[in-house]
Structure formats: C-alpha cells, structure tokens
C-alpha atoms as a PDB file:
ATOM      1  CA  ALA A   1     -21.812 -28.810  40.443  1.00  0.00           C
ATOM      2  CA  VAL A   2     -20.698 -27.205  43.685  1.00  0.00           C
ATOM      3  CA  VAL A   3     -21.853 -23.605  43.333  1.00  0.00           C
ATOM      4  CA  GLY A   4     -21.664 -20.232  45.040  1.00  0.00           C
ATOM      5  CA  ASP A   5     -22.144 -16.598  44.128  1.00  0.00           C
ATOM      6  CA  ASP A   6     -19.582 -15.857  41.431  1.00  0.00           C
ATOM      7  CA  LEU A   7     -20.223 -12.111  41.642  1.00  0.00           C
ATOM      8  CA  TYR A   8     -18.489 -12.323  45.033  1.00  0.00           C
ATOM      9  CA  ARG A   9     -15.969 -14.950  43.836  1.00  0.00           C
ATOM     10  CA  GLU A  10     -17.637 -17.635  45.914  1.00  0.00           C
ATOM     11  CA  ASP A  11     -18.232 -20.240  43.188  1.00  0.00           C
ATOM     12  CA  PRO A  12     -15.554 -22.947  43.403  1.00  0.00           C
ATOM     13  CA  THR A  13     -16.499 -24.549  40.087  1.00  0.00           C
ATOM     14  CA  VAL A  14     -16.108 -21.273  38.203  1.00  0.00           C
ATOM     15  CA  GLN A  15     -12.755 -20.752  39.916  1.00  0.00           C
ATOM     16  CA  ALA A  16     -11.647 -24.245  38.905  1.00  0.00           C
ATOM     17  CA  LEU A  17     -12.610 -23.587  35.279  1.00  0.00           C
ATOM     18  CA  GLU A  18     -10.823 -20.222  35.218  1.00  0.00           C
ATOM     19  CA  GLN A  19      -7.667 -21.761  36.656  1.00  0.00           C
ATOM     20  CA  ARG A  20      -7.817 -24.681  34.225  1.00  0.00           C
ATOM     21  CA  VAL A  21      -8.229 -22.526  31.120  1.00  0.00           C
ATOM     22  CA  ALA A  22      -5.585 -20.006  32.213  1.00  0.00           C
ATOM     23  CA  ALA A  23      -3.131 -22.880  32.630  1.00  0.00           C
ATOM     24  CA  LEU A  24      -4.051 -24.410  29.262  1.00  0.00           C
ATOM     25  CA  LEU A  25      -3.380 -21.080  27.551  1.00  0.00           C
ATOM     26  CA  GLY A  26      -0.263 -20.236  29.534  1.00  0.00           C
ATOM     27  CA  LYS A  27      -1.785 -17.053  30.969  1.00  0.00           C
ATOM     28  CA  GLU A  28      -1.846 -15.705  34.512  1.00  0.00           C
ATOM     29  CA  ALA A  29      -5.615 -15.515  34.912  1.00  0.00           C
ATOM     30  CA  ALA A  30      -8.969 -16.078  33.225  1.00  0.00           C
ATOM     31  CA  LEU A  31     -12.480 -14.694  33.579  1.00  0.00           C
ATOM     32  CA  PHE A  32     -15.656 -16.690  32.854  1.00  0.00           C
ATOM     33  CA  VAL A  33     -18.288 -14.806  30.832  1.00  0.00           C
ATOM     34  CA  PRO A  34     -21.571 -15.798  29.165  1.00  0.00           C
ATOM     35  CA  SER A  35     -20.514 -15.411  25.517  1.00  0.00           C
ATOM     36  CA  GLY A  36     -17.646 -15.027  23.083  1.00  0.00           C
ATOM     37  CA  THR A  37     -18.893 -11.601  22.073  1.00  0.00           C
ATOM     38  CA  MET A  38     -18.609 -10.403  25.663  1.00  0.00           C
ATOM     39  CA  ALA A  39     -15.128 -11.903  25.985  1.00  0.00           C
ATOM     40  CA  ASN A  40     -13.997 -10.041  22.857  1.00  0.00           C
ATOM     41  CA  GLN A  41     -15.589  -6.779  23.951  1.00  0.00           C
ATOM     42  CA  LEU A  42     -13.964  -6.971  27.375  1.00  0.00           C
ATOM     43  CA  GLY A  43     -10.638  -7.587  25.650  1.00  0.00           C
ATOM     44  CA  LEU A  44     -11.130  -4.490  23.521  1.00  0.00           C
ATOM     45  CA  ARG A  45     -12.120  -2.350  26.497  1.00  0.00           C
ATOM     46  CA  LEU A  46      -8.958  -3.258  28.379  1.00  0.00           C
ATOM     47  CA  HIS A  47      -6.612  -1.996  25.687  1.00  0.00           C
ATOM     48  CA  VAL A  48      -8.193   1.131  24.197  1.00  0.00           C
ATOM     49  CA  GLN A  49      -9.524   4.600  24.844  1.00  0.00           C
ATOM     50  CA  PRO A  50     -12.591   6.119  23.105  1.00  0.00           C
ATOM     51  CA  GLY A  51     -11.607   7.487  19.711  1.00  0.00           C
ATOM     52  CA  ASP A  52      -8.818   4.966  19.100  1.00  0.00           C
ATOM     53  CA  ASP A  53      -8.386   2.905  15.938  1.00  0.00           C
ATOM     54  CA  VAL A  54      -8.296  -0.889  16.290  1.00  0.00           C
ATOM     55  CA  LEU A  55      -6.836  -2.969  13.487  1.00  0.00           C
ATOM     56  CA  VAL A  56      -8.813  -6.140  12.693  1.00  0.00           C
ATOM     57  CA  SER A  57      -8.429  -8.854  10.087  1.00  0.00           C
ATOM     58  CA  ASP A  58     -10.682  -8.931   7.033  1.00  0.00           C
ATOM     59  CA  GLY A  59     -14.030 -10.537   7.897  1.00  0.00           C
ATOM     60  CA  ALA A  60     -13.387 -10.380  11.642  1.00  0.00           C
ATOM     61  CA  HIS A  61     -16.164 -11.584  13.926  1.00  0.00           C
ATOM     62  CA  ILE A  62     -15.579  -8.493  16.088  1.00  0.00           C
ATOM     63  CA  LYS A  63     -16.562  -6.304  13.136  1.00  0.00           C
ATOM     64  CA  TRP A  64     -19.217  -8.410  11.385  1.00  0.00           C
ATOM     65  CA  TYR A  65     -21.140 -10.235  14.080  1.00  0.00           C
ATOM     66  CA  GLU A  66     -21.003  -8.291  17.339  1.00  0.00           C
ATOM     67  CA  SER A  67     -23.719  -5.719  16.643  1.00  0.00           C
ATOM     68  CA  GLY A  68     -21.438  -2.692  16.552  1.00  0.00           C
ATOM     69  CA  ALA A  69     -20.386  -3.253  20.162  1.00  0.00           C
ATOM     70  CA  ALA A  70     -16.844  -1.966  19.655  1.00  0.00           C
ATOM     71  CA  ALA A  71     -18.190   1.481  18.771  1.00  0.00           C
ATOM     72  CA  ALA A  72     -21.037   1.451  21.284  1.00  0.00           C
ATOM     73  CA  LEU A  73     -19.139   0.137  24.307  1.00  0.00           C
ATOM     74  CA  SER A  74     -15.523   1.181  23.756  1.00  0.00           C
ATOM     75  CA  GLY A  75     -15.948   4.075  21.339  1.00  0.00           C
ATOM     76  CA  VAL A  76     -13.390   2.773  18.844  1.00  0.00           C
ATOM     77  CA  GLN A  77     -13.144   2.540  15.068  1.00  0.00           C
ATOM     78  CA  LEU A  78     -12.358  -0.832  13.481  1.00  0.00           C
ATOM     79  CA  VAL A  79      -9.887  -0.685  10.588  1.00  0.00           C
ATOM     80  CA  THR A  80      -9.739  -3.756   8.336  1.00  0.00           C
ATOM     81  CA  VAL A  81      -6.346  -5.092   7.252  1.00  0.00           C
ATOM     82  CA  GLY A  82      -5.462  -7.924   4.859  1.00  0.00           C
ATOM     83  CA  GLN A  83      -7.670 -10.339   2.945  1.00  0.00           C
ATOM     84  CA  GLY A  84      -9.542 -13.519   3.778  1.00  0.00           C
ATOM     85  CA  GLY A  85      -8.859 -13.230   7.486  1.00  0.00           C
ATOM     86  CA  PHE A  86      -5.082 -13.015   7.190  1.00  0.00           C
ATOM     87  CA  LEU A  87      -2.530 -10.256   6.802  1.00  0.00           C
ATOM     88  CA  SER A  88       1.156  -9.874   6.192  1.00  0.00           C
ATOM     89  CA  VAL A  89       3.764  -7.856   8.023  1.00  0.00           C
ATOM     90  CA  ALA A  90       3.899  -5.503   5.042  1.00  0.00           C
ATOM     91  CA  GLU A  91       0.113  -4.969   5.122  1.00  0.00           C
ATOM     92  CA  LEU A  92       0.232  -4.317   8.863  1.00  0.00           C
ATOM     93  CA  ARG A  93       2.996  -1.744   8.520  1.00  0.00           C
ATOM     94  CA  GLU A  94       1.195  -0.042   5.641  1.00  0.00           C
ATOM     95  CA  ALA A  95      -2.048   0.233   7.623  1.00  0.00           C
ATOM     96  CA  HIS A  96      -0.397   1.458  10.795  1.00  0.00           C
ATOM     97  CA  HIS A  97       0.187   5.121  11.409  1.00  0.00           C
ATOM     98  CA  ALA A  98       2.068   6.543  14.330  1.00  0.00           C
ATOM     99  CA  GLU A  99       0.468   9.232  16.433  1.00  0.00           C
ATOM    100  CA  ARG A 100       0.993  12.654  14.863  1.00  0.00           C
ATOM    101  CA  SER A 101       1.556  15.915  16.667  1.00  0.00           C
ATOM    102  CA  ASP A 102      -1.350  17.559  14.808  1.00  0.00           C
ATOM    103  CA  HIS A 103      -3.815  14.994  16.234  1.00  0.00           C
ATOM    104  CA  ALA A 104      -5.425  14.507  12.823  1.00  0.00           C
ATOM    105  CA  TYR A 105      -5.043  10.737  13.141  1.00  0.00           C
ATOM    106  CA  ALA A 106      -6.763   8.508  15.669  1.00  0.00           C
ATOM    107  CA  PRO A 107      -4.278   6.643  17.857  1.00  0.00           C
ATOM    108  CA  MET A 108      -3.769   2.979  16.988  1.00  0.00           C
ATOM    109  CA  ARG A 109      -3.331   0.879  20.086  1.00  0.00           C
ATOM    110  CA  LEU A 110      -4.533  -2.645  19.313  1.00  0.00           C
ATOM    111  CA  LEU A 111      -4.427  -5.425  16.714  1.00  0.00           C
ATOM    112  CA  CYS A 112      -7.142  -8.094  16.876  1.00  0.00           C
ATOM    113  CA  LEU A 113      -6.658 -11.394  15.067  1.00  0.00           C
ATOM    114  CA  GLU A 114      -8.913 -14.456  14.813  1.00  0.00           C
ATOM    115  CA  ASN A 115      -7.753 -18.089  14.888  1.00  0.00           C
ATOM    116  CA  THR A 116      -9.385 -20.115  13.459  1.00  0.00           C
ATOM    117  CA  HIS A 117     -11.093 -17.600  11.205  1.00  0.00           C
ATOM    118  CA  ASN A 118     -14.864 -18.105  11.179  1.00  0.00           C
ATOM    119  CA  ARG A 119     -15.844 -16.133   8.081  1.00  0.00           C
ATOM    120  CA  GLY A 120     -12.784 -17.484   6.284  1.00  0.00           C
ATOM    121  CA  GLY A 121     -14.113 -21.021   6.666  1.00  0.00           C
ATOM    122  CA  GLY A 122     -12.271 -22.112   9.801  1.00  0.00           C
ATOM    123  CA  LYS A 123      -8.853 -21.317   8.365  1.00  0.00           C
ATOM    124  CA  VAL A 124      -5.826 -21.648  10.619  1.00  0.00           C
ATOM    125  CA  TRP A 125      -3.092 -19.040  10.844  1.00  0.00           C
ATOM    126  CA  PRO A 126       0.249 -20.574   9.772  1.00  0.00           C
ATOM    127  CA  ALA A 127       2.403 -20.501  12.878  1.00  0.00           C
ATOM    128  CA  GLY A 128       5.333 -18.670  11.280  1.00  0.00           C
ATOM    129  CA  GLN A 129       3.142 -15.985   9.724  1.00  0.00           C
ATOM    130  CA  LEU A 130       1.311 -15.442  12.996  1.00  0.00           C
ATOM    131  CA  GLN A 131       4.549 -15.047  14.932  1.00  0.00           C
ATOM    132  CA  ALA A 132       5.915 -12.583  12.380  1.00  0.00           C
ATOM    133  CA  VAL A 133       2.775 -10.415  12.352  1.00  0.00           C
ATOM    134  CA  CYS A 134       2.560 -10.378  16.150  1.00  0.00           C
ATOM    135  CA  ALA A 135       6.249  -9.462  16.470  1.00  0.00           C
ATOM    136  CA  ALA A 136       5.755  -6.607  14.000  1.00  0.00           C
ATOM    137  CA  ALA A 137       2.727  -5.393  15.946  1.00  0.00           C
ATOM    138  CA  VAL A 138       4.721  -5.289  19.167  1.00  0.00           C
ATOM    139  CA  ASP A 139       7.476  -3.410  17.332  1.00  0.00           C
ATOM    140  CA  LEU A 140       4.862  -0.847  16.290  1.00  0.00           C
ATOM    141  CA  GLY A 141       3.725  -0.414  19.885  1.00  0.00           C
ATOM    142  CA  LEU A 142       0.418  -2.259  19.489  1.00  0.00           C
ATOM    143  CA  ARG A 143      -1.162  -4.564  22.030  1.00  0.00           C
ATOM    144  CA  LEU A 144      -2.581  -7.871  20.816  1.00  0.00           C
ATOM    145  CA  HIS A 145      -5.965  -9.530  21.315  1.00  0.00           C
ATOM    146  CA  LEU A 146      -6.920 -12.925  19.897  1.00  0.00           C
ATOM    147  CA  ASP A 147     -10.480 -13.920  19.127  1.00  0.00           C
ATOM    148  CA  GLY A 148      -9.782 -17.572  19.831  1.00  0.00           C
ATOM    149  CA  ALA A 149     -13.369 -18.805  19.869  1.00  0.00           C
ATOM    150  CA  ARG A 150     -12.022 -21.787  17.904  1.00  0.00           C
ATOM    151  CA  LEU A 151      -8.468 -21.701  19.253  1.00  0.00           C
ATOM    152  CA  TRP A 152      -8.901 -25.321  20.286  1.00  0.00           C
ATOM    153  CA  ASN A 153      -9.487 -26.284  16.642  1.00  0.00           C
ATOM    154  CA  ALA A 154      -6.415 -24.314  15.559  1.00  0.00           C
ATOM    155  CA  ALA A 155      -4.223 -26.104  18.104  1.00  0.00           C
ATOM    156  CA  VAL A 156      -5.476 -29.527  17.020  1.00  0.00           C
ATOM    157  CA  ALA A 157      -5.017 -28.719  13.325  1.00  0.00           C
ATOM    158  CA  LEU A 158      -1.471 -27.461  13.929  1.00  0.00           C
ATOM    159  CA  GLY A 159      -0.590 -30.374  16.213  1.00  0.00           C
ATOM    160  CA  THR A 160       0.469 -27.987  18.953  1.00  0.00           C
ATOM    161  CA  SER A 161      -0.733 -26.855  22.371  1.00  0.00           C
ATOM    162  CA  PRO A 162      -3.364 -24.181  23.056  1.00  0.00           C
ATOM    163  CA  SER A 163      -0.713 -22.220  24.949  1.00  0.00           C
ATOM    164  CA  ALA A 164       1.499 -22.082  21.849  1.00  0.00           C
ATOM    165  CA  VAL A 165      -1.338 -20.564  19.806  1.00  0.00           C
ATOM    166  CA  ALA A 166      -2.119 -18.063  22.572  1.00  0.00           C
ATOM    167  CA  ALA A 167       1.470 -17.156  23.461  1.00  0.00           C
ATOM    168  CA  PRO A 168       1.963 -13.922  21.460  1.00  0.00           C
ATOM    169  CA  PHE A 169      -1.222 -12.248  22.708  1.00  0.00           C
ATOM    170  CA  ASP A 170      -1.892  -9.966  25.657  1.00  0.00           C
ATOM    171  CA  THR A 171      -5.488 -11.193  25.902  1.00  0.00           C
ATOM    172  CA  VAL A 172      -7.212 -14.242  24.428  1.00  0.00           C
ATOM    173  CA  ALA A 173     -10.921 -15.043  24.212  1.00  0.00           C
ATOM    174  CA  VAL A 174     -11.831 -18.737  24.017  1.00  0.00           C
ATOM    175  CA  CYS A 175     -15.249 -20.331  23.653  1.00  0.00           C
ATOM    176  CA  LEU A 176     -16.631 -23.487  25.256  1.00  0.00           C
ATOM    177  CA  SER A 177     -19.825 -23.685  23.193  1.00  0.00           C
ATOM    178  CA  LYS A 178     -18.370 -24.102  19.685  1.00  0.00           C
ATOM    179  CA  GLY A 179     -16.543 -27.346  18.888  1.00  0.00           C
ATOM    180  CA  LEU A 180     -16.318 -28.335  22.556  1.00  0.00           C
ATOM    181  CA  GLY A 181     -20.114 -28.408  22.761  1.00  0.00           C
ATOM    182  CA  ALA A 182     -20.810 -26.834  26.159  1.00  0.00           C
ATOM    183  CA  PRO A 183     -24.216 -25.097  26.373  1.00  0.00           C
ATOM    184  CA  ALA A 184     -22.746 -21.646  27.063  1.00  0.00           C
ATOM    185  CA  GLY A 185     -19.703 -19.779  28.217  1.00  0.00           C
ATOM    186  CA  SER A 186     -16.419 -18.226  27.136  1.00  0.00           C
ATOM    187  CA  LEU A 187     -13.322 -17.010  28.955  1.00  0.00           C
ATOM    188  CA  LEU A 188     -11.045 -14.027  28.621  1.00  0.00           C
ATOM    189  CA  CYS A 189      -7.446 -14.842  29.544  1.00  0.00           C
ATOM    190  CA  GLY A 190      -4.414 -12.662  30.100  1.00  0.00           C
ATOM    191  CA  ARG A 191      -2.258 -10.981  32.710  1.00  0.00           C
ATOM    192  CA  GLY A 192      -3.543 -10.872  36.254  1.00  0.00           C
ATOM    193  CA  PRO A 193      -4.017  -7.080  36.430  1.00  0.00           C
ATOM    194  CA  ASP A 194      -5.820  -7.006  33.079  1.00  0.00           C
ATOM    195  CA  ILE A 195      -8.246  -9.723  34.112  1.00  0.00           C
ATOM    196  CA  GLU A 196      -8.861  -7.968  37.412  1.00  0.00           C
ATOM    197  CA  ARG A 197      -9.868  -4.833  35.495  1.00  0.00           C
ATOM    198  CA  ALA A 198     -12.026  -6.957  33.200  1.00  0.00           C
ATOM    199  CA  ARG A 199     -14.040  -8.132  36.218  1.00  0.00           C
ATOM    200  CA  ARG A 200     -15.334  -4.626  36.716  1.00  0.00           C
ATOM    201  CA  PHE A 201     -16.151  -4.267  33.025  1.00  0.00           C
ATOM    202  CA  ARG A 202     -17.925  -7.634  33.095  1.00  0.00           C
ATOM    203  CA  ARG A 203     -20.165  -6.301  35.844  1.00  0.00           C
ATOM    204  CA  MET A 204     -20.701  -3.084  33.885  1.00  0.00           C
ATOM    205  CA  TYR A 205     -21.728  -5.062  30.785  1.00  0.00           C
ATOM    206  CA  GLY A 206     -24.152  -7.241  32.740  1.00  0.00           C
ATOM    207  CA  GLY A 207     -22.067 -10.396  32.567  1.00  0.00           C
ATOM    208  CA  SER A 208     -21.660 -11.214  36.253  1.00  0.00           C
ATOM    209  CA  MET A 209     -23.607 -14.330  37.255  1.00  0.00           C
ATOM    210  CA  ARG A 210     -24.665 -15.941  40.508  1.00  0.00           C
ATOM    211  CA  GLN A 211     -24.500 -19.760  40.680  1.00  0.00           C
ATOM    212  CA  ALA A 212     -22.569 -19.934  37.426  1.00  0.00           C
ATOM    213  CA  GLY A 213     -20.844 -23.141  38.461  1.00  0.00           C
ATOM    214  CA  ILE A 214     -23.646 -25.062  36.769  1.00  0.00           C
ATOM    215  CA  LEU A 215     -22.396 -23.698  33.434  1.00  0.00           C
ATOM    216  CA  ALA A 216     -18.746 -23.889  34.434  1.00  0.00           C
ATOM    217  CA  ALA A 217     -19.113 -27.592  35.234  1.00  0.00           C
ATOM    218  CA  ALA A 218     -20.286 -28.182  31.669  1.00  0.00           C
ATOM    219  CA  GLY A 219     -17.204 -26.338  30.433  1.00  0.00           C
ATOM    220  CA  LEU A 220     -14.901 -28.476  32.557  1.00  0.00           C
ATOM    221  CA  TYR A 221     -16.615 -31.606  31.252  1.00  0.00           C
ATOM    222  CA  ALA A 222     -16.211 -30.402  27.666  1.00  0.00           C
ATOM    223  CA  LEU A 223     -12.487 -29.757  28.126  1.00  0.00           C
ATOM    224  CA  GLU A 224     -12.024 -33.174  29.719  1.00  0.00           C
ATOM    225  CA  HIS A 225     -14.107 -35.260  27.325  1.00  0.00           C
ATOM    226  CA  HIS A 226     -14.586 -33.359  24.054  1.00  0.00           C
ATOM    227  CA  TYR A 227     -11.200 -31.821  23.252  1.00  0.00           C
ATOM    228  CA  GLU A 228      -9.823 -35.084  21.905  1.00  0.00           C
ATOM    229  CA  LEU A 229     -12.855 -35.381  19.595  1.00  0.00           C
ATOM    230  CA  LEU A 230     -12.028 -32.210  17.658  1.00  0.00           C
ATOM    231  CA  ALA A 231      -9.729 -34.101  15.277  1.00  0.00           C
ATOM    232  CA  LYS A 232     -12.678 -36.338  14.430  1.00  0.00           C
ATOM    233  CA  ASP A 233     -14.783 -33.238  13.734  1.00  0.00           C
ATOM    234  CA  HIS A 234     -12.124 -32.083  11.269  1.00  0.00           C
ATOM    235  CA  GLU A 235     -12.168 -35.455   9.548  1.00  0.00           C
ATOM    236  CA  HIS A 236     -15.961 -35.373   9.323  1.00  0.00           C
ATOM    237  CA  ALA A 237     -15.770 -31.923   7.726  1.00  0.00           C
ATOM    238  CA  ARG A 238     -13.371 -33.276   5.099  1.00  0.00           C
ATOM    239  CA  LEU A 239     -15.759 -36.163   4.391  1.00  0.00           C
ATOM    240  CA  ILE A 240     -18.682 -33.759   3.952  1.00  0.00           C
ATOM    241  CA  ALA A 241     -16.593 -31.628   1.594  1.00  0.00           C
ATOM    242  CA  GLN A 242     -15.623 -34.684  -0.439  1.00  0.00           C
ATOM    243  CA  GLY A 243     -19.251 -35.722  -0.746  1.00  0.00           C
ATOM    244  CA  LEU A 244     -20.386 -32.261  -1.802  1.00  0.00           C
ATOM    245  CA  GLY A 245     -17.494 -31.993  -4.225  1.00  0.00           C
ATOM    246  CA  GLY A 246     -18.822 -34.973  -6.123  1.00  0.00           C
ATOM    247  CA  LEU A 247     -22.117 -33.242  -6.876  1.00  0.00           C
ATOM    248  CA  ALA A 248     -22.831 -31.263 -10.013  1.00  0.00           C
ATOM    249  CA  HIS A 249     -23.058 -27.478  -9.693  1.00  0.00           C
ATOM    250  CA  VAL A 250     -21.538 -27.415  -6.196  1.00  0.00           C
ATOM    251  CA  ALA A 251     -18.264 -25.572  -5.551  1.00  0.00           C
ATOM    252  CA  VAL A 252     -16.591 -26.545  -2.294  1.00  0.00           C
ATOM    253  CA  THR A 253     -13.758 -24.892  -0.400  1.00  0.00           C
ATOM    254  CA  ALA A 254     -11.493 -27.540   1.107  1.00  0.00           C
ATOM    255  CA  PRO A 255     -11.896 -27.272   4.893  1.00  0.00           C
ATOM    256  CA  GLU A 256      -8.919 -26.889   7.221  1.00  0.00           C
ATOM    257  CA  THR A 257     -10.868 -27.571  10.402  1.00  0.00           C
ATOM    258  CA  ASN A 258     -14.575 -27.968  11.175  1.00  0.00           C
ATOM    259  CA  ILE A 259     -16.282 -25.464   8.845  1.00  0.00           C
ATOM    260  CA  VAL A 260     -17.354 -26.430   5.307  1.00  0.00           C
ATOM    261  CA  LEU A 261     -18.084 -23.609   2.855  1.00  0.00           C
ATOM    262  CA  PHE A 262     -19.792 -24.389  -0.436  1.00  0.00           C
ATOM    263  CA  ALA A 263     -21.666 -22.496  -3.133  1.00  0.00           C
ATOM    264  CA  LEU A 264     -24.337 -23.578  -5.578  1.00  0.00           C
ATOM    265  CA  GLU A 265     -23.501 -22.770  -9.184  1.00  0.00           C
ATOM    266  CA  PRO A 266     -26.044 -22.232 -11.970  1.00  0.00           C
ATOM    267  CA  PRO A 267     -26.644 -25.302 -14.161  1.00  0.00           C
END
C-alpha cells in the first residue's frame, strides 16, 4: 500500500477507499475509522445535542453492544421502538413526541435503523417498509442514521445496489470486517459538511491514524474481490440451517442472509 499520514490527509490509499465507498453508497463523502462502533458513535454525535432522545430499533447494536457510548460520548437517551429490529410508521408516530413549550420532554432529533439487523438474525428491511418509515421520520423532523455494518449483505439479498439501501439516510456506517472479511475498518458516509465535522470528532475519540493505508488497502481488496462472494455466504447459511433443522431438539430460524440463529430444546 502507498501510505502517508492520514491525520493530515496525506494517505492516498485511505483517500481512494473513502472515495470508493462514498460513490458506492451515493453519498458526497466518507470517513475511514477503526471500527463500526466508532462509525455509529460519530454518526450520533453529528445529529444530536446532550439531553436529546434518539429512537432506535428493538435490539439495536447501538444500544446493546456499544458499551453505553451514546450516553457517555453524546449525552443522549436511546428509546426503543418496534419489535425484532423493525418498526412500522404507526409505531414511529406513536413513539415520537414533538418538543413541548414546558420542556418536560427531551427533544427527539434522530432515528437510527440497522440493516441487516444483527440481533434479529441478519434480517433485511423490506424495501417498501424502509422507505415508508424513513419518509415518516423526515415528516416528523427527524434526521436518519443507518447502522449498515452489514449493508452489503442487505443489498445482495434484495438484489439491489448499496446506494439504494443507503439512499434515505443522512449518515450511513458500513463495515469492512464483517462479511467482506477485511481485518479492520469501517466508514461513515454522508454529506460533505457532516463528514468534515466528523473528522474533528474522530480525532476527539482517538480514531485518527497515521499510515492507515495498510488497512485501507485491505478494504479496497475486500470490496473488489469479496463482495461477489456474499451471495455464496447466504447460501452456506441456508445449508447450515437445513442441516441443523434435521436434528432432534434443535429449533432453527430460517436465515435471510449470513447469520444462523438456533436454540437447543429440552429432550
């Protein structure tokens, strides 16, 4: 990899990766960070003020698996909506409250969704439902962030482009170290001014790196050579589920993508 100091925007391989992923997702800009958790937390920080409420889907990675970072770093409360990782327009409208003049309610500024949904077993948002919920959120004055750690899997499962999955969202976090198999790295994508602000927050959170092109080169390789293999991963998951389903005392949830959930039942 050709490398430089990415803190000073001197690493050409990181720049190439950021440009490539921004184009794939149909966004103006992208920012390379060490992990998906950091990408999500930067996305949160861009859209909120301390004391705000953030609506998240049931079982959201941002709430379950990021060590309370939303409260510690952005000072926000996470409010769960829906079931099994999904929500309806009606559930969103019921959970939302407009700002009141008596200031008894925390402002709601952001809706975070996850596609595919990790805790839900790699489930994919149906395209029509996703569009309807996002349109309702915009109507309510909310900004939109997507935890798209497995966005690539969602696009393959839906037979559509990554940019189509990402289109409704102001910011999107995508991961290179899940199905694509790179050793590390995620990106936060969005509007140019938002990503410029996120650069400062990345530095604040300790995510700026020096010769990060070594990692970025692995990400570029993964996008070039591993993306087309995701459909095979999905097929392998179905084969595993079929095999487990033939065993006594094993209950299997049919996989939609690359995650197989099963439970052992008492004999």
